[in-house]
Amino acid sequence: MLPDDPIKAIAVVVVLIGLVLLAGSALFLFAPRREDVPVPTDHRAAPRRRVLKMAKIEFGGIEIDCLVRNLSATGAAIEVTSPLQCPIAFVLAIPSEGSVRHCHVVWRKGKRIGVKFN
């Protein structure tokens, strides 16, 4: 039953809402956690390491600047300003490593491109 004074009624409602929120928080904190949920695994052939290296995509006498975001022995994820300019197969040159690798595109997502080394 609510009190006749409107300010007291509002105070009672605020307290009740606080109690409901407190009870919900307690249930969330103390609820049993599911340990049997499988964790997604990485199916890459080789582990990749995060890098931030300038590189060039070379094909048909054309060079396009790009950024290598991660790298492994079998492939890389690169970022380009315009993914439409990137062909399906090209040479990826990473000057800081002195590496030149022939590769082909295996996925595209926005400005990111995943490549596999030939």
Protein backbone atom coordinates (compact mmCIF):
# COMPACT_ATOMS: atom_id res chain seq x y z
CA MET A 1 0.00 0.00 0.00
CA LEU A 2 1.41 3.40 -1.03
CA PRO A 3 1.49 6.38 1.42
CA ASP A 4 -0.80 9.38 0.83
CA ASP A 5 2.13 11.81 0.52
CA PRO A 6 3.29 11.82 -3.18
CA ILE A 7 6.96 12.30 -2.23
CA LYS A 8 6.84 9.31 0.11
CA ALA A 9 5.12 7.29 -2.63
CA ILE A 10 7.90 8.15 -5.10
CA ALA A 11 10.51 7.21 -2.49
CA VAL A 12 8.83 3.83 -1.95
CA VAL A 13 8.74 3.17 -5.72
CA VAL A 14 12.43 4.12 -6.08
CA VAL A 15 13.37 1.81 -3.21
CA LEU A 16 11.36 -1.05 -4.73
CA ILE A 17 13.01 -0.56 -8.13
CA GLY A 18 16.41 -0.53 -6.41
CA LEU A 19 15.61 -3.80 -4.65
CA VAL A 20 14.54 -5.43 -7.92
CA LEU A 21 17.77 -4.30 -9.60
CA LEU A 22 19.82 -5.52 -6.65
CA ALA A 23 18.14 -8.93 -6.74
CA GLY A 24 18.70 -9.18 -10.51
CA SER A 25 22.38 -8.32 -10.09
CA ALA A 26 22.78 -10.93 -7.37
CA LEU A 27 21.20 -13.58 -9.58
CA PHE A 28 23.53 -12.66 -12.42
CA LEU A 29 26.63 -12.73 -10.21
CA PHE A 30 25.86 -15.97 -8.45
CA ALA A 31 24.24 -17.88 -11.30
CA PRO A 32 26.13 -21.04 -12.27
CA ARG A 33 28.32 -20.56 -15.32
CA ARG A 34 28.25 -22.96 -18.23
CA GLU A 35 31.70 -24.45 -18.58
CA ASP A 36 30.62 -26.89 -21.28
CA VAL A 37 30.23 -24.24 -23.98
CA PRO A 38 32.81 -24.98 -26.69
CA VAL A 39 35.32 -22.28 -27.49
CA PRO A 40 35.80 -21.61 -31.22
CA THR A 41 39.15 -22.83 -32.46
CA ASP A 42 41.43 -21.30 -35.03
CA HIS A 43 41.68 -23.52 -38.10
CA ARG A 44 44.61 -21.74 -39.74
CA ALA A 45 47.45 -23.86 -41.06
CA ALA A 46 50.01 -21.73 -39.17
CA PRO A 47 49.66 -19.35 -36.22
CA ARG A 48 49.52 -15.68 -37.18
CA ARG A 49 51.17 -12.85 -35.34
CA ARG A 50 49.90 -9.29 -35.24
CA VAL A 51 52.08 -6.84 -37.10
CA LEU A 52 51.78 -3.36 -38.51
CA LYS A 53 54.02 -3.20 -41.57
CA MET A 54 53.91 -1.16 -44.72
CA ALA A 55 53.88 -3.29 -47.86
CA LYS A 56 53.16 -3.15 -51.57
CA ILE A 57 50.84 -5.16 -53.77
CA GLU A 58 52.56 -5.63 -57.12
CA PHE A 59 50.91 -6.86 -60.32
CA GLY A 60 51.31 -6.04 -64.02
CA GLY A 61 53.81 -3.26 -63.33
CA ILE A 62 51.41 -1.57 -60.88
CA GLU A 63 52.14 -1.03 -57.18
CA ILE A 64 49.49 -0.40 -54.51
CA ASP A 65 50.44 0.55 -50.96
CA CYS A 66 48.94 -1.58 -48.21
CA LEU A 67 49.33 -2.38 -44.54
CA VAL A 68 50.02 -5.90 -43.25
CA ARG A 69 47.91 -6.45 -40.10
CA ASN A 70 48.86 -10.05 -39.32
CA LEU A 71 51.30 -12.49 -40.81
CA SER A 72 52.15 -16.20 -40.73
CA ALA A 73 54.25 -18.63 -42.72
CA THR A 74 51.22 -19.44 -44.91
CA GLY A 75 49.38 -16.14 -45.31
CA ALA A 76 48.54 -12.64 -44.16
CA ALA A 77 45.74 -10.17 -43.55
CA ILE A 78 46.30 -6.88 -45.31
CA GLU A 79 44.45 -3.58 -45.39
CA VAL A 80 44.10 -1.46 -48.53
CA THR A 81 42.51 1.91 -49.21
CA SER A 82 40.38 0.52 -52.05
CA PRO A 83 39.78 -3.23 -52.16
CA LEU A 84 38.40 -2.95 -55.70
CA GLN A 85 41.89 -2.26 -57.07
CA CYS A 86 43.32 -5.50 -55.69
CA PRO A 87 43.50 -8.44 -58.12
CA ILE A 88 42.93 -12.08 -57.17
CA ALA A 89 46.64 -12.99 -57.40
CA PHE A 90 49.63 -10.71 -56.88
CA VAL A 91 53.06 -10.30 -55.29
CA LEU A 92 53.15 -8.98 -51.72
CA ALA A 93 56.40 -7.13 -51.00
CA ILE A 94 57.24 -6.27 -47.39
CA PRO A 95 60.37 -4.09 -47.53
CA SER A 96 61.02 -4.10 -43.75
CA GLU A 97 61.38 -7.89 -43.87
CA GLY A 98 62.99 -8.01 -47.30
CA SER A 99 60.27 -10.46 -48.29
CA VAL A 100 58.55 -10.85 -51.65
CA ARG A 101 55.78 -13.48 -51.70
CA HIS A 102 53.42 -14.60 -54.46
CA CYS A 103 49.92 -14.92 -53.03
CA HIS A 104 46.22 -15.14 -53.84
CA VAL A 105 43.13 -13.73 -52.15
CA VAL A 106 41.11 -16.12 -49.98
CA TRP A 107 38.69 -13.64 -48.38
CA ARG A 108 37.68 -9.96 -48.48
CA LYS A 109 35.86 -7.95 -45.84
CA GLY A 110 35.66 -4.20 -46.32
CA LYS A 111 39.17 -2.87 -46.66
CA ARG A 112 40.72 -6.07 -45.27
CA ILE A 113 41.94 -8.86 -47.50
CA GLY A 114 43.13 -12.30 -46.44
CA VAL A 115 45.80 -13.86 -48.64
CA LYS A 116 47.44 -17.24 -48.80
CA PHE A 117 51.02 -17.52 -49.93
CA ASN A 118 51.63 -19.73 -52.99
